[in-house]
């Protein structure tokens, strides 16, 4: 099971969500901006407060991006000129 912790307005979150959707990978999105319980869960699991963070069957990928997720899942990135490596959105 894949859980992705996201923040409203985070371009790196959108990039990872687009990647997962584009490759038809099942996931559950948990928006930490609008749900304090999800925020606490994120901090407890990862020890930090940045998005996007993924929990892939217990493997935590904190401060991640689509490239790192693709590599971990063994899936190639779609050909997009605008995919940028790196980048996280601190949650304030």
Foldseek 3Di string as FASTA:
>chain_A
DKEWEAEPPFPQQVQQVCQCVVVVNDYHYDYCHVDVVVQVVCCVLPVFAKPGWMQDVNDIDPQAGNVVVCVVVVHDGDDDPPGDGGDIGGDD
